Amino acid sequence: MNESQILDTFRESNALLEGHFVLRSGLHSRQYFQCALILEQTKLAERL
């Protein structure tokens, strides 16, 4: 899989969140990968 396909898979499972996030490190991010959401959908997780 290439980067674009991986991102599409995360978007398809609603596991790629977009907005404003303050990470534990104190840094800020526009995107956040909620990996637990994609792992709930085994067919999508298999692709990764």
Protein backbone atom coordinates (compact mmCIF):
# COMPACT_ATOMS: atom_id res chain seq x y z
CA MET A 1 0.00 0.00 0.00
CA ASN A 2 1.16 3.50 -0.67
CA GLU A 3 0.65 6.48 1.63
CA SER A 4 -2.47 7.64 -0.18
CA GLN A 5 -4.15 4.23 0.13
CA ILE A 6 -3.32 4.05 3.84
CA LEU A 7 -4.83 7.49 4.44
CA ASP A 8 -7.92 6.51 2.45
CA THR A 9 -8.34 3.42 4.63
CA PHE A 10 -8.11 5.51 7.80
CA ARG A 11 -10.63 8.00 6.38
CA GLU A 12 -12.99 5.20 5.36
CA SER A 13 -13.08 3.96 8.95
CA ASN A 14 -13.35 7.49 10.38
CA ALA A 15 -10.06 6.85 12.19
CA LEU A 16 -8.33 9.92 10.73
CA LEU A 17 -9.62 12.86 12.70
CA GLU A 18 -9.07 16.39 11.46
CA GLY A 19 -9.24 19.53 13.54
CA HIS A 20 -7.05 20.94 16.29
CA PHE A 21 -5.44 18.52 18.72
CA VAL A 22 -3.05 19.09 21.60
CA LEU A 23 -0.86 16.01 21.87
CA ARG A 24 0.52 14.61 25.12
CA SER A 25 3.88 16.12 24.22
CA GLY A 26 2.26 19.55 24.24
CA LEU A 27 2.65 19.88 20.47
CA HIS A 28 -0.33 20.74 18.30
CA SER A 29 -1.54 18.81 15.28
CA ARG A 30 -4.18 19.23 12.55
CA GLN A 31 -4.68 15.46 12.26
CA TYR A 32 -4.96 12.59 14.70
CA PHE A 33 -4.94 8.87 13.95
CA GLN A 34 -7.38 7.01 16.20
CA CYS A 35 -5.99 3.52 15.55
CA ALA A 36 -8.47 1.79 17.86
CA LEU A 37 -11.29 2.76 15.49
CA ILE A 38 -9.69 1.04 12.51
CA LEU A 39 -8.88 -2.08 14.53
CA GLU A 40 -12.59 -2.48 15.31
CA GLN A 41 -13.16 -3.06 11.59
CA THR A 42 -11.11 -6.16 10.87
CA LYS A 43 -11.57 -6.08 7.09
CA LEU A 44 -10.07 -2.60 6.92
CA ALA A 45 -7.36 -3.42 9.45
CA GLU A 46 -6.33 -6.43 7.31
CA ARG A 47 -5.43 -4.05 4.49
CA LEU A 48 -2.90 -2.30 6.67
